[in-house]
Each structure stands twice: as structure tokens, then as C-alpha cells.
PDB file of N, CA and C in Angstrom:
ATOM      1  N   UNK A   1      23.349-165.388   1.247  1.00  0.00           N
ATOM      2  CA  UNK A   1      24.665-165.841   0.878  1.00  0.00           C
ATOM      3  C   UNK A   1      25.409-166.186   2.170  1.00  0.00           C
ATOM      4  N   UNK A   2      26.086-167.310   2.154  1.00  0.00           N
ATOM      5  CA  UNK A   2      26.827-167.775   3.316  1.00  0.00           C
ATOM      6  C   UNK A   2      28.097-166.955   3.516  1.00  0.00           C
ATOM      7  N   UNK A   3      28.434-166.694   4.774  1.00  0.00           N
ATOM      8  CA  UNK A   3      29.710-166.053   5.085  1.00  0.00           C
ATOM      9  C   UNK A   3      30.599-167.068   5.799  1.00  0.00           C
ATOM     10  N   UNK A   4      31.904-166.880   5.629  1.00  0.00           N
ATOM     11  CA  UNK A   4      32.869-167.848   6.126  1.00  0.00           C
ATOM     12  C   UNK A   4      34.078-167.142   6.718  1.00  0.00           C
ATOM     13  N   UNK A   5      34.762-167.818   7.596  1.00  0.00           N
ATOM     14  CA  UNK A   5      36.038-167.360   8.118  1.00  0.00           C
ATOM     15  C   UNK A   5      37.091-168.351   7.656  1.00  0.00           C
ATOM     16  N   UNK A   6      38.304-167.876   7.409  1.00  0.00           N
ATOM     17  CA  UNK A   6      39.360-168.773   6.928  1.00  0.00           C
ATOM     18  C   UNK A   6      40.736-168.150   7.116  1.00  0.00           C
ATOM     19  N   UNK A   7      41.735-169.014   7.100  1.00  0.00           N
ATOM     20  CA  UNK A   7      43.124-168.571   7.051  1.00  0.00           C
ATOM     21  C   UNK A   7      43.537-168.503   5.586  1.00  0.00           C
ATOM     22  N   UNK A   8      44.267-167.456   5.220  1.00  0.00           N
ATOM     23  CA  UNK A   8      44.742-167.305   3.847  1.00  0.00           C
ATOM     24  C   UNK A   8      46.257-167.222   3.866  1.00  0.00           C
ATOM     25  N   UNK A   9      46.874-168.136   3.141  1.00  0.00           N
ATOM     26  CA  UNK A   9      48.330-168.128   3.000  1.00  0.00           C
ATOM     27  C   UNK A   9      48.666-167.190   1.836  1.00  0.00           C
ATOM     28  N   UNK A  10      49.228-166.043   2.146  1.00  0.00           N
ATOM     29  CA  UNK A  10      49.534-165.039   1.129  1.00  0.00           C
ATOM     30  C   UNK A  10      50.577-165.602   0.157  1.00  0.00           C
ATOM     31  N   UNK A  11      50.271-165.545  -1.102  1.00  0.00           N
ATOM     32  CA  UNK A  11      51.067-166.127  -2.191  1.00  0.00           C
ATOM     33  C   UNK A  11      51.391-167.598  -1.941  1.00  0.00           C
ATOM     34  N   UNK A  12      50.515-168.279  -1.186  1.00  0.00           N
ATOM     35  CA  UNK A  12      50.696-169.694  -0.911  1.00  0.00           C
ATOM     36  C   UNK A  12      51.723-169.995   0.165  1.00  0.00           C
ATOM     37  N   UNK A  13      52.280-168.976   0.806  1.00  0.00           N
ATOM     38  CA  UNK A  13      53.316-169.145   1.822  1.00  0.00           C
ATOM     39  C   UNK A  13      52.674-169.411   3.180  1.00  0.00           C
ATOM     40  N   UNK A  14      52.833-170.627   3.690  1.00  0.00           N
ATOM     41  CA  UNK A  14      52.231-170.999   4.976  1.00  0.00           C
ATOM     42  C   UNK A  14      52.885-170.290   6.165  1.00  0.00           C
ATOM     43  N   UNK A  15      53.993-169.599   5.928  1.00  0.00           N
ATOM     44  CA  UNK A  15      54.625-168.800   6.976  1.00  0.00           C
ATOM     45  C   UNK A  15      54.117-167.356   6.963  1.00  0.00           C
ATOM     46  N   UNK A  16      53.231-167.029   6.036  1.00  0.00           N
ATOM     47  CA  UNK A  16      52.686-165.685   5.893  1.00  0.00           C
ATOM     48  C   UNK A  16      51.168-165.803   5.743  1.00  0.00           C
ATOM     49  N   UNK A  17      50.490-166.011   6.885  1.00  0.00           N
ATOM     50  CA  UNK A  17      49.058-166.269   6.853  1.00  0.00           C
ATOM     51  C   UNK A  17      48.290-165.173   7.577  1.00  0.00           C
ATOM     52  N   UNK A  18      47.091-164.883   7.063  1.00  0.00           N
ATOM     53  CA  UNK A  18      46.203-163.921   7.711  1.00  0.00           C
ATOM     54  C   UNK A  18      44.835-164.566   7.895  1.00  0.00           C
ATOM     55  N   UNK A  19      44.166-164.183   8.952  1.00  0.00           N
ATOM     56  CA  UNK A  19      42.827-164.667   9.241  1.00  0.00           C
ATOM     57  C   UNK A  19      41.836-163.695   8.612  1.00  0.00           C
ATOM     58  N   UNK A  20      40.957-164.187   7.745  1.00  0.00           N
ATOM     59  CA  UNK A  20      39.953-163.346   7.091  1.00  0.00           C
ATOM     60  C   UNK A  20      38.582-163.761   7.598  1.00  0.00           C
ATOM     61  N   UNK A  21      37.759-162.776   7.933  1.00  0.00           N
ATOM     62  CA  UNK A  21      36.406-163.062   8.396  1.00  0.00           C
ATOM     63  C   UNK A  21      35.400-162.469   7.421  1.00  0.00           C
ATOM     64  N   UNK A  22      34.228-163.068   7.372  1.00  0.00           N
ATOM     65  CA  UNK A  22      33.159-162.556   6.518  1.00  0.00           C
ATOM     66  C   UNK A  22      33.369-162.802   5.036  1.00  0.00           C
ATOM     67  N   UNK A  23      34.139-163.826   4.689  1.00  0.00           N
ATOM     68  CA  UNK A  23      34.335-164.168   3.275  1.00  0.00           C
ATOM     69  C   UNK A  23      33.066-164.786   2.705  1.00  0.00           C
ATOM     70  N   UNK A  24      32.934-164.725   1.397  1.00  0.00           N
ATOM     71  CA  UNK A  24      31.843-165.413   0.706  1.00  0.00           C
ATOM     72  C   UNK A  24      32.449-166.526  -0.145  1.00  0.00           C
ATOM     73  N   UNK A  25      31.634-167.480  -0.594  1.00  0.00           N
ATOM     74  CA  UNK A  25      32.173-168.524  -1.470  1.00  0.00           C
ATOM     75  C   UNK A  25      32.871-167.957  -2.709  1.00  0.00           C
ATOM     76  N   UNK A  26      32.310-166.914  -3.303  1.00  0.00           N
ATOM     77  CA  UNK A  26      32.944-166.305  -4.479  1.00  0.00           C
ATOM     78  C   UNK A  26      34.294-165.687  -4.114  1.00  0.00           C
ATOM     79  N   UNK A  27      34.384-165.097  -2.932  1.00  0.00           N
ATOM     80  CA  UNK A  27      35.642-164.494  -2.513  1.00  0.00           C
ATOM     81  C   UNK A  27      36.699-165.573  -2.251  1.00  0.00           C
ATOM     82  N   UNK A  28      36.279-166.724  -1.758  1.00  0.00           N
ATOM     83  CA  UNK A  28      37.220-167.836  -1.579  1.00  0.00           C
ATOM     84  C   UNK A  28      37.756-168.279  -2.931  1.00  0.00           C
ATOM     85  N   UNK A  29      36.886-168.359  -3.932  1.00  0.00           N
ATOM     86  CA  UNK A  29      37.351-168.698  -5.284  1.00  0.00           C
ATOM     87  C   UNK A  29      38.374-167.681  -5.786  1.00  0.00           C
ATOM     88  N   UNK A  30      38.113-166.411  -5.556  1.00  0.00           N
ATOM     89  CA  UNK A  30      39.028-165.354  -5.978  1.00  0.00           C
ATOM     90  C   UNK A  30      40.372-165.484  -5.258  1.00  0.00           C
ATOM     91  N   UNK A  31      40.337-165.687  -3.948  1.00  0.00           N
ATOM     92  CA  UNK A  31      41.570-165.813  -3.174  1.00  0.00           C
ATOM     93  C   UNK A  31      42.370-167.046  -3.599  1.00  0.00           C
ATOM     94  N   UNK A  32      41.677-168.131  -3.919  1.00  0.00           N
ATOM     95  CA  UNK A  32      42.372-169.314  -4.419  1.00  0.00           C
ATOM     96  C   UNK A  32      43.045-169.017  -5.754  1.00  0.00           C
ATOM     97  N   UNK A  33      42.384-168.252  -6.598  1.00  0.00           N
ATOM     98  CA  UNK A  33      42.977-167.880  -7.880  1.00  0.00           C
ATOM     99  C   UNK A  33      44.190-166.978  -7.719  1.00  0.00           C
ATOM    100  N   UNK A  34      44.171-166.130  -6.700  1.00  0.00           N
ATOM    101  CA  UNK A  34      45.274-165.195  -6.475  1.00  0.00           C
ATOM    102  C   UNK A  34      46.462-165.835  -5.757  1.00  0.00           C
ATOM    103  N   UNK A  35      46.182-166.710  -4.791  1.00  0.00           N
ATOM    104  CA  UNK A  35      47.236-167.216  -3.915  1.00  0.00           C
ATOM    105  C   UNK A  35      47.535-168.705  -4.065  1.00  0.00           C
ATOM    106  N   UNK A  36      46.696-169.433  -4.781  1.00  0.00           N
ATOM    107  CA  UNK A  36      46.916-170.864  -4.958  1.00  0.00           C
ATOM    108  C   UNK A  36      45.719-171.672  -4.479  1.00  0.00           C
ATOM    109  N   UNK A  37      45.503-172.826  -5.076  1.00  0.00           N
ATOM    110  CA  UNK A  37      44.323-173.647  -4.795  1.00  0.00           C
ATOM    111  C   UNK A  37      44.234-174.093  -3.346  1.00  0.00           C
ATOM    112  N   UNK A  38      45.367-174.288  -2.684  1.00  0.00           N
ATOM    113  CA  UNK A  38      45.337-174.735  -1.295  1.00  0.00           C
ATOM    114  C   UNK A  38      45.732-173.627  -0.315  1.00  0.00           C
ATOM    115  N   UNK A  39      45.605-172.387  -0.738  1.00  0.00           N
ATOM    116  CA  UNK A  39      46.033-171.259   0.090  1.00  0.00           C
ATOM    117  C   UNK A  39      44.960-170.780   1.065  1.00  0.00           C
ATOM    118  N   UNK A  40      43.716-171.192   0.874  1.00  0.00           N
ATOM    119  CA  UNK A  40      42.632-170.804   1.778  1.00  0.00           C
ATOM    120  C   UNK A  40      42.255-172.057   2.559  1.00  0.00           C
ATOM    121  N   UNK A  41      42.486-172.028   3.865  1.00  0.00           N
ATOM    122  CA  UNK A  41      42.254-173.225   4.659  1.00  0.00           C
ATOM    123  C   UNK A  41      41.637-172.898   6.005  1.00  0.00           C
ATOM    124  N   UNK A  42      41.345-173.941   6.763  1.00  0.00           N
ATOM    125  CA  UNK A  42      40.630-173.797   8.037  1.00  0.00           C
ATOM    126  C   UNK A  42      39.312-173.041   7.833  1.00  0.00           C
ATOM    127  N   UNK A  43      38.643-173.324   6.718  1.00  0.00           N
ATOM    128  CA  UNK A  43      37.407-172.629   6.352  1.00  0.00           C
ATOM    129  C   UNK A  43      36.282-173.104   7.259  1.00  0.00           C
ATOM    130  N   UNK A  44      35.558-172.143   7.835  1.00  0.00           N
ATOM    131  CA  UNK A  44      34.425-172.474   8.688  1.00  0.00           C
ATOM    132  C   UNK A  44      33.276-171.506   8.432  1.00  0.00           C
ATOM    133  N   UNK A  45      32.046-172.002   8.401  1.00  0.00           N
ATOM    134  CA  UNK A  45      30.896-171.117   8.233  1.00  0.00           C
ATOM    135  C   UNK A  45      30.777-170.168   9.422  1.00  0.00           C
ATOM    136  N   UNK A  46      30.363-168.934   9.143  1.00  0.00           N
ATOM    137  CA  UNK A  46      30.211-167.964  10.227  1.00  0.00           C
ATOM    138  C   UNK A  46      28.840-167.302  10.255  1.00  0.00           C
ATOM    139  N   UNK A  47      28.067-167.423   9.178  1.00  0.00           N
ATOM    140  CA  UNK A  47      26.749-166.806   9.173  1.00  0.00           C
ATOM    141  C   UNK A  47      26.180-166.671   7.781  1.00  0.00           C
ATOM    142  N   UNK A  48      25.238-165.763   7.655  1.00  0.00           N
ATOM    143  CA  UNK A  48      24.562-165.488   6.384  1.00  0.00           C
ATOM    144  C   UNK A  48      24.471-163.984   6.200  1.00  0.00           C
ATOM    145  N   UNK A  49      24.474-163.557   4.938  1.00  0.00           N
ATOM    146  CA  UNK A  49      24.282-162.151   4.601  1.00  0.00           C
ATOM    147  C   UNK A  49      23.338-162.095   3.404  1.00  0.00           C
ATOM    148  N   UNK A  50      22.433-161.106   3.420  1.00  0.00           N
ATOM    149  CA  UNK A  50      21.498-160.958   2.301  1.00  0.00           C
ATOM    150  C   UNK A  50      22.178-160.110   1.230  1.00  0.00           C
ATOM    151  N   UNK A  51      22.588-160.771   0.147  1.00  0.00           N
ATOM    152  CA  UNK A  51      23.306-160.084  -0.925  1.00  0.00           C
ATOM    153  C   UNK A  51      23.051-160.825  -2.231  1.00  0.00           C
ATOM    154  N   UNK A  52      22.700-160.100  -3.251  1.00  0.00           N
ATOM    155  CA  UNK A  52      22.494-160.674  -4.585  1.00  0.00           C
ATOM    156  C   UNK A  52      23.849-160.898  -5.261  1.00  0.00           C
ATOM    157  N   UNK A  53      23.928-161.837  -6.207  1.00  0.00           N
ATOM    158  CA  UNK A  53      25.195-162.076  -6.902  1.00  0.00           C
ATOM    159  C   UNK A  53      25.798-160.819  -7.533  1.00  0.00           C
ATOM    160  N   UNK A  54      24.977-159.967  -8.132  1.00  0.00           N
ATOM    161  CA  UNK A  54      25.495-158.736  -8.743  1.00  0.00           C
ATOM    162  C   UNK A  54      26.107-157.826  -7.689  1.00  0.00           C
ATOM    163  N   UNK A  55      25.490-157.785  -6.509  1.00  0.00           N
ATOM    164  CA  UNK A  55      26.024-156.968  -5.419  1.00  0.00           C
ATOM    165  C   UNK A  55      27.359-157.535  -4.930  1.00  0.00           C
ATOM    166  N   UNK A  56      27.463-158.858  -4.897  1.00  0.00           N
ATOM    167  CA  UNK A  56      28.715-159.482  -4.468  1.00  0.00           C
ATOM    168  C   UNK A  56      29.840-159.193  -5.455  1.00  0.00           C
ATOM    169  N   UNK A  57      29.549-159.273  -6.747  1.00  0.00           N
ATOM    170  CA  UNK A  57      30.557-158.956  -7.757  1.00  0.00           C
ATOM    171  C   UNK A  57      31.007-157.500  -7.612  1.00  0.00           C
ATOM    172  N   UNK A  58      30.069-156.590  -7.393  1.00  0.00           N
ATOM    173  CA  UNK A  58      30.416-155.173  -7.208  1.00  0.00           C
ATOM    174  C   UNK A  58      31.262-154.993  -5.948  1.00  0.00           C
ATOM    175  N   UNK A  59      30.931-155.707  -4.877  1.00  0.00           N
ATOM    176  CA  UNK A  59      31.696-155.618  -3.636  1.00  0.00           C
ATOM    177  C   UNK A  59      33.123-156.137  -3.841  1.00  0.00           C
ATOM    178  N   UNK A  60      33.255-157.253  -4.560  1.00  0.00           N
ATOM    179  CA  UNK A  60      34.578-157.814  -4.818  1.00  0.00           C
ATOM    180  C   UNK A  60      35.422-156.873  -5.686  1.00  0.00           C
ATOM    181  N   UNK A  61      34.789-156.211  -6.633  1.00  0.00           N
ATOM    182  CA  UNK A  61      35.522-155.237  -7.455  1.00  0.00           C
ATOM    183  C   UNK A  61      36.052-154.088  -6.608  1.00  0.00           C
ATOM    184  N   UNK A  62      35.258-153.649  -5.635  1.00  0.00           N
ATOM    185  CA  UNK A  62      35.692-152.565  -4.740  1.00  0.00           C
ATOM    186  C   UNK A  62      36.783-153.049  -3.781  1.00  0.00           C
ATOM    187  N   UNK A  63      36.635-154.265  -3.285  1.00  0.00           N
ATOM    188  CA  UNK A  63      37.571-154.828  -2.305  1.00  0.00           C
ATOM    189  C   UNK A  63      38.918-155.191  -2.937  1.00  0.00           C
ATOM    190  N   UNK A  64      38.885-155.620  -4.193  1.00  0.00           N
ATOM    191  CA  UNK A  64      40.095-156.058  -4.902  1.00  0.00           C
ATOM    192  C   UNK A  64      40.222-155.271  -6.219  1.00  0.00           C
ATOM    193  N   UNK A  65      40.527-153.969  -6.140  1.00  0.00           N
ATOM    194  CA  UNK A  65      40.510-153.121  -7.343  1.00  0.00           C
ATOM    195  C   UNK A  65      41.533-153.503  -8.411  1.00  0.00           C
ATOM    196  N   UNK A  66      42.591-154.184  -8.049  1.00  0.00           N
ATOM    197  CA  UNK A  66      43.610-154.566  -9.037  1.00  0.00           C
ATOM    198  C   UNK A  66      43.242-155.842  -9.795  1.00  0.00           C
ATOM    199  N   UNK A  67      42.145-156.477  -9.405  1.00  0.00           N
ATOM    200  CA  UNK A  67      41.808-157.785  -9.974  1.00  0.00           C
ATOM    201  C   UNK A  67      40.412-157.822 -10.593  1.00  0.00           C
ATOM    202  N   UNK A  68      40.037-156.737 -11.286  1.00  0.00           N
ATOM    203  CA  UNK A  68      38.717-156.673 -11.923  1.00  0.00           C
ATOM    204  C   UNK A  68      38.492-157.843 -12.874  1.00  0.00           C
ATOM    205  N   UNK A  69      39.508-158.200 -13.643  1.00  0.00           N
ATOM    206  CA  UNK A  69      39.358-159.273 -14.624  1.00  0.00           C
ATOM    207  C   UNK A  69      39.106-160.615 -13.932  1.00  0.00           C
ATOM    208  N   UNK A  70      39.821-160.879 -12.845  1.00  0.00           N
ATOM    209  CA  UNK A  70      39.614-162.138 -12.120  1.00  0.00           C
ATOM    210  C   UNK A  70      38.222-162.188 -11.484  1.00  0.00           C
ATOM    211  N   UNK A  71      37.761-161.048 -10.987  1.00  0.00           N
ATOM    212  CA  UNK A  71      36.404-160.985 -10.436  1.00  0.00           C
ATOM    213  C   UNK A  71      35.399-161.245 -11.556  1.00  0.00           C
ATOM    214  N   UNK A  72      35.605-160.653 -12.699  1.00  0.00           N
ATOM    215  CA  UNK A  72      34.714-160.855 -13.849  1.00  0.00           C
ATOM    216  C   UNK A  72      34.710-162.321 -14.278  1.00  0.00           C
ATOM    217  N   UNK A  73      35.858-163.000 -14.151  1.00  0.00           N
ATOM    218  CA  UNK A  73      35.921-164.422 -14.502  1.00  0.00           C
ATOM    219  C   UNK A  73      35.027-165.270 -13.607  1.00  0.00           C
ATOM    220  N   UNK A  74      34.880-164.888 -12.340  1.00  0.00           N
ATOM    221  CA  UNK A  74      33.968-165.614 -11.444  1.00  0.00           C
ATOM    222  C   UNK A  74      32.549-165.474 -11.964  1.00  0.00           C
ATOM    223  N   UNK A  75      32.175-164.266 -12.354  1.00  0.00           N
ATOM    224  CA  UNK A  75      30.830-164.027 -12.903  1.00  0.00           C
ATOM    225  C   UNK A  75      30.632-164.826 -14.196  1.00  0.00           C
ATOM    226  N   UNK A  76      31.684-164.897 -15.016  1.00  0.00           N
ATOM    227  CA  UNK A  76      31.617-165.642 -16.274  1.00  0.00           C
ATOM    228  C   UNK A  76      31.492-167.146 -16.016  1.00  0.00           C
ATOM    229  N   UNK A  77      32.271-167.652 -15.070  1.00  0.00           N
ATOM    230  CA  UNK A  77      32.277-169.084 -14.779  1.00  0.00           C
ATOM    231  C   UNK A  77      31.053-169.551 -14.004  1.00  0.00           C
ATOM    232  N   UNK A  78      30.419-168.659 -13.252  1.00  0.00           N
ATOM    233  CA  UNK A  78      29.246-168.994 -12.437  1.00  0.00           C
ATOM    234  C   UNK A  78      28.126-167.988 -12.725  1.00  0.00           C
ATOM    235  N   UNK A  79      27.544-168.028 -13.922  1.00  0.00           N
ATOM    236  CA  UNK A  79      26.525-167.032 -14.286  1.00  0.00           C
ATOM    237  C   UNK A  79      25.180-167.285 -13.601  1.00  0.00           C
ATOM    238  N   UNK A  80      24.467-166.202 -13.357  1.00  0.00           N
ATOM    239  CA  UNK A  80      23.096-166.266 -12.858  1.00  0.00           C
ATOM    240  C   UNK A  80      22.885-167.220 -11.694  1.00  0.00           C
ATOM    241  N   UNK A  81      21.987-168.208 -11.868  1.00  0.00           N
ATOM    242  CA  UNK A  81      21.661-169.110 -10.758  1.00  0.00           C
ATOM    243  C   UNK A  81      22.809-170.044 -10.356  1.00  0.00           C
ATOM    244  N   UNK A  82      23.841-170.155 -11.156  1.00  0.00           N
ATOM    245  CA  UNK A  82      24.986-171.007 -10.825  1.00  0.00           C
ATOM    246  C   UNK A  82      25.957-170.306  -9.868  1.00  0.00           C
ATOM    247  N   UNK A  83      25.725-169.010  -9.583  1.00  0.00           N
ATOM    248  CA  UNK A  83      26.631-168.255  -8.715  1.00  0.00           C
ATOM    249  C   UNK A  83      26.696-168.914  -7.337  1.00  0.00           C
ATOM    250  N   UNK A  84      27.910-169.123  -6.803  1.00  0.00           N
ATOM    251  CA  UNK A  84      28.046-169.832  -5.526  1.00  0.00           C
ATOM    252  C   UNK A  84      27.608-168.980  -4.329  1.00  0.00           C
ATOM    253  N   UNK A  85      26.543-169.411  -3.678  1.00  0.00           N
ATOM    254  CA  UNK A  85      26.060-168.713  -2.490  1.00  0.00           C
ATOM    255  C   UNK A  85      26.296-169.548  -1.229  1.00  0.00           C
ATOM    256  N   UNK A  86      26.675-170.795  -1.389  1.00  0.00           N
ATOM    257  CA  UNK A  86      26.982-171.699  -0.276  1.00  0.00           C
ATOM    258  C   UNK A  86      28.343-172.341  -0.523  1.00  0.00           C
ATOM    259  N   UNK A  87      28.999-172.709   0.529  1.00  0.00           N
ATOM    260  CA  UNK A  87      30.322-173.315   0.448  1.00  0.00           C
ATOM    261  C   UNK A  87      30.315-174.576  -0.411  1.00  0.00           C
ATOM    262  N   UNK A  88      29.278-175.380  -0.286  1.00  0.00           N
ATOM    263  CA  UNK A  88      29.223-176.628  -1.055  1.00  0.00           C
ATOM    264  C   UNK A  88      29.080-176.407  -2.562  1.00  0.00           C
ATOM    265  N   UNK A  89      28.759-175.202  -2.996  1.00  0.00           N
ATOM    266  CA  UNK A  89      28.617-174.897  -4.426  1.00  0.00           C
ATOM    267  C   UNK A  89      29.954-174.743  -5.139  1.00  0.00           C
ATOM    268  N   UNK A  90      31.064-174.610  -4.389  1.00  0.00           N
ATOM    269  CA  UNK A  90      32.341-174.382  -5.064  1.00  0.00           C
ATOM    270  C   UNK A  90      33.230-175.618  -5.107  1.00  0.00           C
ATOM    271  N   UNK A  91      32.776-176.733  -4.558  1.00  0.00           N
ATOM    272  CA  UNK A  91      33.506-177.989  -4.676  1.00  0.00           C
ATOM    273  C   UNK A  91      34.901-177.969  -4.090  1.00  0.00           C
ATOM    274  N   UNK A  92      35.011-177.567  -2.842  1.00  0.00           N
ATOM    275  CA  UNK A  92      36.316-177.502  -2.176  1.00  0.00           C
ATOM    276  C   UNK A  92      36.796-178.869  -1.729  1.00  0.00           C
ATOM    277  N   UNK A  93      38.093-179.004  -1.657  1.00  0.00           N
ATOM    278  CA  UNK A  93      38.704-180.182  -1.066  1.00  0.00           C
ATOM    279  C   UNK A  93      38.359-180.159   0.424  1.00  0.00           C
ATOM    280  N   UNK A  94      37.772-181.235   0.976  1.00  0.00           N
ATOM    281  CA  UNK A  94      37.400-181.242   2.399  1.00  0.00           C
ATOM    282  C   UNK A  94      38.582-181.002   3.338  1.00  0.00           C
ATOM    283  N   UNK A  95      39.795-181.257   2.890  1.00  0.00           N
ATOM    284  CA  UNK A  95      40.974-181.022   3.730  1.00  0.00           C
ATOM    285  C   UNK A  95      41.163-179.535   4.038  1.00  0.00           C
ATOM    286  N   UNK A  96      40.538-178.647   3.259  1.00  0.00           N
ATOM    287  CA  UNK A  96      40.677-177.212   3.487  1.00  0.00           C
ATOM    288  C   UNK A  96      39.698-176.687   4.539  1.00  0.00           C
ATOM    289  N   UNK A  97      38.740-177.525   4.936  1.00  0.00           N
ATOM    290  CA  UNK A  97      37.746-177.117   5.923  1.00  0.00           C
ATOM    291  C   UNK A  97      38.313-177.264   7.329  1.00  0.00           C
ATOM    292  N   UNK A  98      37.793-176.474   8.243  1.00  0.00           N
ATOM    293  CA  UNK A  98      38.244-176.550   9.625  1.00  0.00           C
ATOM    294  C   UNK A  98      37.748-177.863  10.223  1.00  0.00           C
ATOM    295  N   UNK A  99      38.636-178.627  10.853  1.00  0.00           N
ATOM    296  CA  UNK A  99      38.201-179.887  11.468  1.00  0.00           C
ATOM    297  C   UNK A  99      37.161-179.636  12.559  1.00  0.00           C
ATOM    298  N   UNK A 100      36.190-180.499  12.644  1.00  0.00           N
ATOM    299  CA  UNK A 100      35.120-180.334  13.627  1.00  0.00           C
ATOM    300  C   UNK A 100      35.660-180.374  15.050  1.00  0.00           C
ATOM    301  N   UNK A 101      36.696-181.181  15.305  1.00  0.00           N
ATOM    302  CA  UNK A 101      37.237-181.268  16.659  1.00  0.00           C
ATOM    303  C   UNK A 101      37.758-179.917  17.128  1.00  0.00           C
ATOM    304  N   UNK A 102      38.342-179.163  16.217  1.00  0.00           N
ATOM    305  CA  UNK A 102      38.899-177.863  16.584  1.00  0.00           C
ATOM    306  C   UNK A 102      37.803-176.861  16.907  1.00  0.00           C
ATOM    307  N   UNK A 103      36.621-177.062  16.362  1.00  0.00           N
ATOM    308  CA  UNK A 103      35.524-176.125  16.582  1.00  0.00           C
ATOM    309  C   UNK A 103      34.779-176.413  17.884  1.00  0.00           C
ATOM    310  N   UNK A 104      34.945-177.614  18.450  1.00  0.00           N
ATOM    311  CA  UNK A 104      34.230-177.972  19.669  1.00  0.00           C
ATOM    312  C   UNK A 104      34.850-177.269  20.877  1.00  0.00           C
ATOM    313  N   UNK A 105      34.000-176.784  21.777  1.00  0.00           N
ATOM    314  CA  UNK A 105      34.556-176.171  22.988  1.00  0.00           C
ATOM    315  C   UNK A 105      35.166-177.255  23.876  1.00  0.00           C
ATOM    316  N   UNK A 106      36.133-176.875  24.648  1.00  0.00           N
ATOM    317  CA  UNK A 106      36.758-177.828  25.547  1.00  0.00           C
ATOM    318  C   UNK A 106      36.686-177.306  26.970  1.00  0.00           C
ATOM    319  N   UNK A 107      36.806-178.210  27.898  1.00  0.00           N
ATOM    320  CA  UNK A 107      36.773-177.819  29.308  1.00  0.00           C
ATOM    321  C   UNK A 107      38.067-178.282  29.963  1.00  0.00           C
ATOM    322  N   UNK A 108      38.460-177.546  30.949  1.00  0.00           N
ATOM    323  CA  UNK A 108      39.641-177.885  31.721  1.00  0.00           C
ATOM    324  C   UNK A 108      39.202-178.110  33.148  1.00  0.00           C
ATOM    325  N   UNK A 109      39.591-179.215  33.693  1.00  0.00           N
ATOM    326  CA  UNK A 109      39.254-179.457  35.100  1.00  0.00           C
ATOM    327  C   UNK A 109      40.542-179.478  35.909  1.00  0.00           C
ATOM    328  N   UNK A 110      40.491-178.868  37.031  1.00  0.00           N
ATOM    329  CA  UNK A 110      41.640-178.835  37.934  1.00  0.00           C
ATOM    330  C   UNK A 110      41.272-179.569  39.201  1.00  0.00           C
ATOM    331  N   UNK A 111      42.110-180.506  39.573  1.00  0.00           N
ATOM    332  CA  UNK A 111      41.868-181.241  40.814  1.00  0.00           C
ATOM    333  C   UNK A 111      42.539-180.495  41.955  1.00  0.00           C
ATOM    334  N   UNK A 112      41.839-180.421  43.046  1.00  0.00           N
ATOM    335  CA  UNK A 112      42.436-179.760  44.201  1.00  0.00           C
ATOM    336  C   UNK A 112      43.414-180.727  44.869  1.00  0.00           C
ATOM    337  N   UNK A 113      44.485-180.197  45.391  1.00  0.00           N
ATOM    338  CA  UNK A 113      45.531-181.025  45.995  1.00  0.00           C
ATOM    339  C   UNK A 113      45.214-181.434  47.401  1.00  0.00           C
TER     340      UNK A 113
END
């Protein structure tokens, strides 16, 4: 399962943002449901984790105990092999992804006087 890093605008407020690391595609769907469709942005892949869909649902239930029903809705909407394990499986607006230019390293050169 792919892991991702992203900024999350709490309740959709762009003045109240937190950086989340190690998110999964299913967790991004959950956060979008909680905070708004465009509340998760600057999404960038960060790695992979070996986790079955059932394990991910159990993890989300533990991580978000007040939202068991919303977590269950992800399982209902993406049953079995349809469960999103990659970012491209959830059909995100490309504007929510981190621009490639921002991810490229940059160099600074200083000229001697």
C-alpha cells in the first residue's frame, strides 16, 4: 500500500493547516470526507507499507475513533480488490498533488566579490 505526505486544511480552513505524514489513499478519502474535498493538498508519495485492506480499515478505526461509520463507508464503497492501495485509485484532482517543481532540489551559488 502506498504511503503519502500531505497538508490538511482542518475543517477546510486554509489558515489552519497541518502536515500529515504516512497517509494512505483510504485515509486521504476519509480526511476529504471530514474536512472537504479540497482540504487535502500538496499530496506527495513517500513510500510503501505492507498492509492488507482489512488491516488498514482496523488502523483507521483506531486512529479516528469518532468516525467508525465514515471508515466503514470507505470499506463499503471500495470492497475487496477495489480498495485503494495507490493514489491513482482514488481519482484525485491533479491540482491537489504537490507540483513537481517544488519537489526538485535547488542549488544556490554565491559569487565571490
